[in-house]
Amino acid sequence: MESLVAGMQDVDTAEVTLDIGNLAKEQQDRLRNFIKKHSCAEEDIDDILQQTYLEAIKNKNSFRGGARPETWLFGIAHNLVRNNNRSYFKRPLFQELDEQVYSIPANGACPERITEVQRMLDCILNAFDALSEEMQYLLTLILEQNKSYEDVADIFDVPIGTIRSRLSRVRSHLKIAIAA
């Protein structure tokens, strides 16, 4: 009986060296796939992978050699995934908002100002729709695609002065529509 205890003591005190760096390199793809397969939150995969390596480094002295190193590493990952999944399901699906959020108008504007801006936008959109297709295309090129007047003149195959005068007419049309 004493020899069995002595033998057990030898196993308990045996130094098992574990190279976490090489283990991580060898198992990274498999470990990432394992975590991805078992995790409920895809956005947490990289965090769990990093936590697995940190826990392995922190606890490498607890590895006794009773299992293969990769089995030990995957066990750590499994525990971290399980803990993460538990906390994931405890998270609220949506957060409650303060009532103050509802009482503050967007950008600090008063409701009258918001209504006025909405009215102006509606007028501008209606005025834009009333423009000819050519004028709409001209504005789209300059405003949305950030084309220069020179580029637009080349596209329409007209002098740059013509583009400037057309834009001037469009601006006047839009100003009148907003004022109405």
C-alpha atoms as a PDB file:
ATOM      1  CA  MET A   1       0.000   0.000   0.000  1.00  0.00           C
ATOM      2  CA  GLU A   2       2.866   2.357   0.789  1.00  0.00           C
ATOM      3  CA  SER A   3       4.386   1.776  -2.668  1.00  0.00           C
ATOM      4  CA  LEU A   4       1.082   2.786  -4.306  1.00  0.00           C
ATOM      5  CA  VAL A   5       0.982   6.041  -2.355  1.00  0.00           C
ATOM      6  CA  ALA A   6       4.630   6.736  -3.164  1.00  0.00           C
ATOM      7  CA  GLY A   7       3.936   6.075  -6.802  1.00  0.00           C
ATOM      8  CA  MET A   8       0.988   8.443  -6.671  1.00  0.00           C
ATOM      9  CA  GLN A   9       3.125  11.067  -5.028  1.00  0.00           C
ATOM     10  CA  ASP A  10       5.633  10.711  -7.844  1.00  0.00           C
ATOM     11  CA  VAL A  11       2.874  11.342 -10.391  1.00  0.00           C
ATOM     12  CA  ASP A  12       1.574  14.364  -8.469  1.00  0.00           C
ATOM     13  CA  THR A  13       4.985  15.990  -8.168  1.00  0.00           C
ATOM     14  CA  ALA A  14       6.154  15.162 -11.679  1.00  0.00           C
ATOM     15  CA  GLU A  15       6.988  18.244 -13.696  1.00  0.00           C
ATOM     16  CA  VAL A  16       5.178  18.288 -17.017  1.00  0.00           C
ATOM     17  CA  THR A  17       6.350  21.030 -19.324  1.00  0.00           C
ATOM     18  CA  LEU A  18       3.750  22.445 -21.617  1.00  0.00           C
ATOM     19  CA  ASP A  19       4.581  24.815 -24.471  1.00  0.00           C
ATOM     20  CA  ILE A  20       1.415  26.917 -24.744  1.00  0.00           C
ATOM     21  CA  GLY A  21       2.795  28.914 -27.698  1.00  0.00           C
ATOM     22  CA  ASN A  22       3.293  25.867 -29.911  1.00  0.00           C
ATOM     23  CA  LEU A  23       0.063  24.328 -28.711  1.00  0.00           C
ATOM     24  CA  ALA A  24      -1.804  27.525 -29.621  1.00  0.00           C
ATOM     25  CA  LYS A  25      -0.221  27.650 -33.080  1.00  0.00           C
ATOM     26  CA  GLU A  26      -0.992  24.004 -33.799  1.00  0.00           C
ATOM     27  CA  GLN A  27      -4.581  24.117 -32.560  1.00  0.00           C
ATOM     28  CA  GLN A  28      -5.668  27.657 -33.471  1.00  0.00           C
ATOM     29  CA  ASP A  29      -7.875  26.779 -36.450  1.00  0.00           C
ATOM     30  CA  ARG A  30      -9.425  23.741 -34.765  1.00  0.00           C
ATOM     31  CA  LEU A  31      -9.973  25.716 -31.553  1.00  0.00           C
ATOM     32  CA  ARG A  32     -11.580  28.644 -33.397  1.00  0.00           C
ATOM     33  CA  ASN A  33     -13.925  26.250 -35.242  1.00  0.00           C
ATOM     34  CA  PHE A  34     -14.771  24.497 -31.972  1.00  0.00           C
ATOM     35  CA  ILE A  35     -15.621  27.795 -30.299  1.00  0.00           C
ATOM     36  CA  LYS A  36     -17.574  28.979 -33.352  1.00  0.00           C
ATOM     37  CA  LYS A  37     -19.567  25.757 -33.420  1.00  0.00           C
ATOM     38  CA  HIS A  38     -20.521  25.907 -29.747  1.00  0.00           C
ATOM     39  CA  SER A  39     -20.870  29.643 -29.117  1.00  0.00           C
ATOM     40  CA  CYS A  40     -24.241  31.380 -29.265  1.00  0.00           C
ATOM     41  CA  ALA A  41     -22.732  34.788 -29.965  1.00  0.00           C
ATOM     42  CA  GLU A  42     -20.561  34.946 -33.061  1.00  0.00           C
ATOM     43  CA  GLU A  43     -19.211  38.337 -32.009  1.00  0.00           C
ATOM     44  CA  ASP A  44     -17.638  36.718 -28.917  1.00  0.00           C
ATOM     45  CA  ILE A  45     -15.573  34.068 -30.743  1.00  0.00           C
ATOM     46  CA  ASP A  46     -12.310  36.020 -30.813  1.00  0.00           C
ATOM     47  CA  ASP A  47     -12.724  37.054 -27.178  1.00  0.00           C
ATOM     48  CA  ILE A  48     -13.260  33.463 -26.073  1.00  0.00           C
ATOM     49  CA  LEU A  49     -10.258  32.324 -28.106  1.00  0.00           C
ATOM     50  CA  GLN A  50      -8.058  34.927 -26.398  1.00  0.00           C
ATOM     51  CA  GLN A  51      -9.476  34.045 -22.983  1.00  0.00           C
ATOM     52  CA  THR A  52      -8.679  30.392 -23.661  1.00  0.00           C
ATOM     53  CA  TYR A  53      -5.039  31.208 -24.311  1.00  0.00           C
ATOM     54  CA  LEU A  54      -4.853  33.463 -21.262  1.00  0.00           C
ATOM     55  CA  GLU A  55      -6.360  30.801 -19.013  1.00  0.00           C
ATOM     56  CA  ALA A  56      -4.016  28.187 -20.442  1.00  0.00           C
ATOM     57  CA  ILE A  57      -0.995  30.383 -19.737  1.00  0.00           C
ATOM     58  CA  LYS A  58      -2.255  31.263 -16.284  1.00  0.00           C
ATOM     59  CA  ASN A  59      -2.999  27.638 -15.384  1.00  0.00           C
ATOM     60  CA  LYS A  60      -0.284  25.767 -17.271  1.00  0.00           C
ATOM     61  CA  ASN A  61       1.120  24.531 -13.947  1.00  0.00           C
ATOM     62  CA  SER A  62      -2.143  22.699 -13.284  1.00  0.00           C
ATOM     63  CA  PHE A  63      -1.602  20.512 -16.354  1.00  0.00           C
ATOM     64  CA  ARG A  64      -0.400  17.162 -15.003  1.00  0.00           C
ATOM     65  CA  GLY A  65      -0.136  15.197 -18.222  1.00  0.00           C
ATOM     66  CA  GLY A  66      -3.125  12.951 -17.561  1.00  0.00           C
ATOM     67  CA  ALA A  67      -4.629  14.000 -20.897  1.00  0.00           C
ATOM     68  CA  ARG A  68      -3.266  15.228 -24.176  1.00  0.00           C
ATOM     69  CA  PRO A  69      -2.424  18.954 -24.125  1.00  0.00           C
ATOM     70  CA  GLU A  70      -4.949  19.762 -26.832  1.00  0.00           C
ATOM     71  CA  THR A  71      -7.688  17.979 -24.872  1.00  0.00           C
ATOM     72  CA  TRP A  72      -6.804  20.114 -21.855  1.00  0.00           C
ATOM     73  CA  LEU A  73      -6.869  23.284 -24.005  1.00  0.00           C
ATOM     74  CA  PHE A  74     -10.225  22.369 -25.546  1.00  0.00           C
ATOM     75  CA  GLY A  75     -11.574  21.707 -22.052  1.00  0.00           C
ATOM     76  CA  ILE A  76     -10.677  25.254 -21.079  1.00  0.00           C
ATOM     77  CA  ALA A  77     -12.351  26.564 -24.234  1.00  0.00           C
ATOM     78  CA  HIS A  78     -15.435  24.450 -23.553  1.00  0.00           C
ATOM     79  CA  ASN A  79     -15.793  25.887 -20.051  1.00  0.00           C
ATOM     80  CA  LEU A  80     -15.368  29.447 -21.329  1.00  0.00           C
ATOM     81  CA  VAL A  81     -17.920  28.899 -24.114  1.00  0.00           C
ATOM     82  CA  ARG A  82     -20.385  27.432 -21.627  1.00  0.00           C
ATOM     83  CA  ASN A  83     -19.934  30.398 -19.272  1.00  0.00           C
ATOM     84  CA  ASN A  84     -20.264  32.849 -22.149  1.00  0.00           C
ATOM     85  CA  ASN A  85     -23.433  31.161 -23.405  1.00  0.00           C
ATOM     86  CA  ARG A  86     -24.956  31.354 -19.937  1.00  0.00           C
ATOM     87  CA  SER A  87     -24.229  35.063 -19.711  1.00  0.00           C
ATOM     88  CA  TYR A  88     -25.445  35.537 -23.300  1.00  0.00           C
ATOM     89  CA  PHE A  89     -28.865  34.150 -22.435  1.00  0.00           C
ATOM     90  CA  LYS A  90     -29.018  36.288 -19.306  1.00  0.00           C
ATOM     91  CA  ARG A  91     -28.513  39.457 -21.355  1.00  0.00           C
ATOM     92  CA  PRO A  92     -31.694  41.382 -22.026  1.00  0.00           C
ATOM     93  CA  LEU A  93     -32.916  41.132 -25.583  1.00  0.00           C
ATOM     94  CA  PHE A  94     -33.502  44.862 -25.633  1.00  0.00           C
ATOM     95  CA  GLN A  95     -32.682  47.515 -23.137  1.00  0.00           C
ATOM     96  CA  GLU A  96     -35.217  49.767 -21.547  1.00  0.00           C
ATOM     97  CA  LEU A  97     -34.897  53.383 -22.526  1.00  0.00           C
ATOM     98  CA  ASP A  98     -35.049  56.284 -20.164  1.00  0.00           C
ATOM     99  CA  GLU A  99     -38.177  58.346 -20.496  1.00  0.00           C
ATOM    100  CA  GLN A 100     -35.887  61.353 -20.870  1.00  0.00           C
ATOM    101  CA  VAL A 101     -34.723  60.008 -24.215  1.00  0.00           C
ATOM    102  CA  TYR A 102     -38.264  60.328 -25.525  1.00  0.00           C
ATOM    103  CA  SER A 103     -38.712  63.847 -24.193  1.00  0.00           C
ATOM    104  CA  ILE A 104     -35.554  65.259 -25.832  1.00  0.00           C
ATOM    105  CA  PRO A 105     -36.115  66.103 -29.482  1.00  0.00           C
ATOM    106  CA  ALA A 106     -33.480  65.037 -31.998  1.00  0.00           C
ATOM    107  CA  ASN A 107     -30.400  67.283 -32.034  1.00  0.00           C
ATOM    108  CA  GLY A 108     -31.910  69.390 -29.261  1.00  0.00           C
ATOM    109  CA  ALA A 109     -34.370  70.977 -31.701  1.00  0.00           C
ATOM    110  CA  CYS A 110     -37.838  71.912 -30.638  1.00  0.00           C
ATOM    111  CA  PRO A 111     -40.778  70.089 -32.266  1.00  0.00           C
ATOM    112  CA  GLU A 112     -41.749  73.193 -34.259  1.00  0.00           C
ATOM    113  CA  ARG A 113     -38.284  73.337 -35.812  1.00  0.00           C
ATOM    114  CA  ILE A 114     -38.385  69.634 -36.666  1.00  0.00           C
ATOM    115  CA  THR A 115     -41.756  70.116 -38.363  1.00  0.00           C
ATOM    116  CA  GLU A 116     -40.428  73.121 -40.304  1.00  0.00           C
ATOM    117  CA  VAL A 117     -37.362  71.214 -41.488  1.00  0.00           C
ATOM    118  CA  GLN A 118     -39.563  68.296 -42.551  1.00  0.00           C
ATOM    119  CA  ARG A 119     -41.796  70.689 -44.498  1.00  0.00           C
ATOM    120  CA  MET A 120     -38.758  72.201 -46.221  1.00  0.00           C
ATOM    121  CA  LEU A 121     -37.446  68.764 -47.140  1.00  0.00           C
ATOM    122  CA  ASP A 122     -40.804  67.815 -48.598  1.00  0.00           C
ATOM    123  CA  CYS A 123     -40.826  71.034 -50.651  1.00  0.00           C
ATOM    124  CA  ILE A 124     -37.281  70.391 -51.913  1.00  0.00           C
ATOM    125  CA  LEU A 125     -38.094  66.809 -52.861  1.00  0.00           C
ATOM    126  CA  ASN A 126     -41.249  67.904 -54.683  1.00  0.00           C
ATOM    127  CA  ALA A 127     -39.292  70.639 -56.483  1.00  0.00           C
ATOM    128  CA  PHE A 128     -36.592  68.118 -57.407  1.00  0.00           C
ATOM    129  CA  ASP A 129     -39.221  65.755 -58.806  1.00  0.00           C
ATOM    130  CA  ALA A 130     -40.618  68.640 -60.892  1.00  0.00           C
ATOM    131  CA  LEU A 131     -37.227  69.187 -62.583  1.00  0.00           C
ATOM    132  CA  SER A 132     -36.520  67.641 -65.942  1.00  0.00           C
ATOM    133  CA  GLU A 133     -34.619  64.360 -65.970  1.00  0.00           C
ATOM    134  CA  GLU A 134     -31.582  66.158 -67.350  1.00  0.00           C
ATOM    135  CA  MET A 135     -31.554  68.633 -64.428  1.00  0.00           C
ATOM    136  CA  GLN A 136     -32.074  65.833 -61.907  1.00  0.00           C
ATOM    137  CA  TYR A 137     -29.136  63.970 -63.418  1.00  0.00           C
ATOM    138  CA  LEU A 138     -27.027  67.145 -63.314  1.00  0.00           C
ATOM    139  CA  LEU A 139     -27.724  67.628 -59.599  1.00  0.00           C
ATOM    140  CA  THR A 140     -27.131  63.959 -58.882  1.00  0.00           C
ATOM    141  CA  LEU A 141     -23.724  64.078 -60.547  1.00  0.00           C
ATOM    142  CA  ILE A 142     -22.643  67.169 -58.635  1.00  0.00           C
ATOM    143  CA  LEU A 143     -24.217  66.528 -55.224  1.00  0.00           C
ATOM    144  CA  GLU A 144     -24.223  62.764 -54.812  1.00  0.00           C
ATOM    145  CA  GLN A 145     -21.279  61.698 -56.951  1.00  0.00           C
ATOM    146  CA  ASN A 146     -19.146  64.773 -56.150  1.00  0.00           C
ATOM    147  CA  LYS A 147     -18.311  65.384 -59.792  1.00  0.00           C
ATOM    148  CA  SER A 148     -16.602  68.660 -60.653  1.00  0.00           C
ATOM    149  CA  TYR A 149     -18.258  71.179 -62.972  1.00  0.00           C
ATOM    150  CA  GLU A 150     -15.622  70.283 -65.562  1.00  0.00           C
ATOM    151  CA  ASP A 151     -16.462  66.586 -65.355  1.00  0.00           C
ATOM    152  CA  VAL A 152     -20.175  67.296 -65.647  1.00  0.00           C
ATOM    153  CA  ALA A 153     -19.550  69.582 -68.643  1.00  0.00           C
ATOM    154  CA  ASP A 154     -17.650  66.734 -70.296  1.00  0.00           C
ATOM    155  CA  ILE A 155     -20.459  64.268 -69.558  1.00  0.00           C
ATOM    156  CA  PHE A 156     -23.101  66.625 -71.055  1.00  0.00           C
ATOM    157  CA  ASP A 157     -20.685  67.697 -73.815  1.00  0.00           C
ATOM    158  CA  VAL A 158     -21.361  71.398 -73.164  1.00  0.00           C
ATOM    159  CA  PRO A 159     -19.157  74.289 -72.026  1.00  0.00           C
ATOM    160  CA  ILE A 160     -18.620  74.722 -68.283  1.00  0.00           C
ATOM    161  CA  GLY A 161     -20.490  78.062 -68.412  1.00  0.00           C
ATOM    162  CA  THR A 162     -23.613  76.206 -69.511  1.00  0.00           C
ATOM    163  CA  ILE A 163     -23.378  73.929 -66.461  1.00  0.00           C
ATOM    164  CA  ARG A 164     -23.011  76.976 -64.189  1.00  0.00           C
ATOM    165  CA  SER A 165     -26.040  78.716 -65.689  1.00  0.00           C
ATOM    166  CA  ARG A 166     -28.163  75.535 -65.454  1.00  0.00           C
ATOM    167  CA  LEU A 167     -27.198  75.144 -61.802  1.00  0.00           C
ATOM    168  CA  SER A 168     -28.080  78.769 -61.171  1.00  0.00           C
ATOM    169  CA  ARG A 169     -31.561  78.183 -62.635  1.00  0.00           C
ATOM    170  CA  VAL A 170     -31.994  75.012 -60.546  1.00  0.00           C
ATOM    171  CA  ARG A 171     -31.000  76.886 -57.371  1.00  0.00           C
ATOM    172  CA  SER A 172     -33.505  79.646 -58.125  1.00  0.00           C
ATOM    173  CA  HIS A 173     -36.217  77.060 -58.742  1.00  0.00           C
ATOM    174  CA  LEU A 174     -35.460  75.337 -55.434  1.00  0.00           C
ATOM    175  CA  LYS A 175     -35.398  78.649 -53.496  1.00  0.00           C
ATOM    176  CA  ILE A 176     -38.828  79.535 -54.850  1.00  0.00           C
ATOM    177  CA  ALA A 177     -40.162  76.100 -53.938  1.00  0.00           C
ATOM    178  CA  ILE A 178     -38.870  76.412 -50.371  1.00  0.00           C
ATOM    179  CA  ALA A 179     -40.313  79.894 -49.926  1.00  0.00           C
ATOM    180  CA  ALA A 180     -43.760  78.780 -51.106  1.00  0.00           C
END
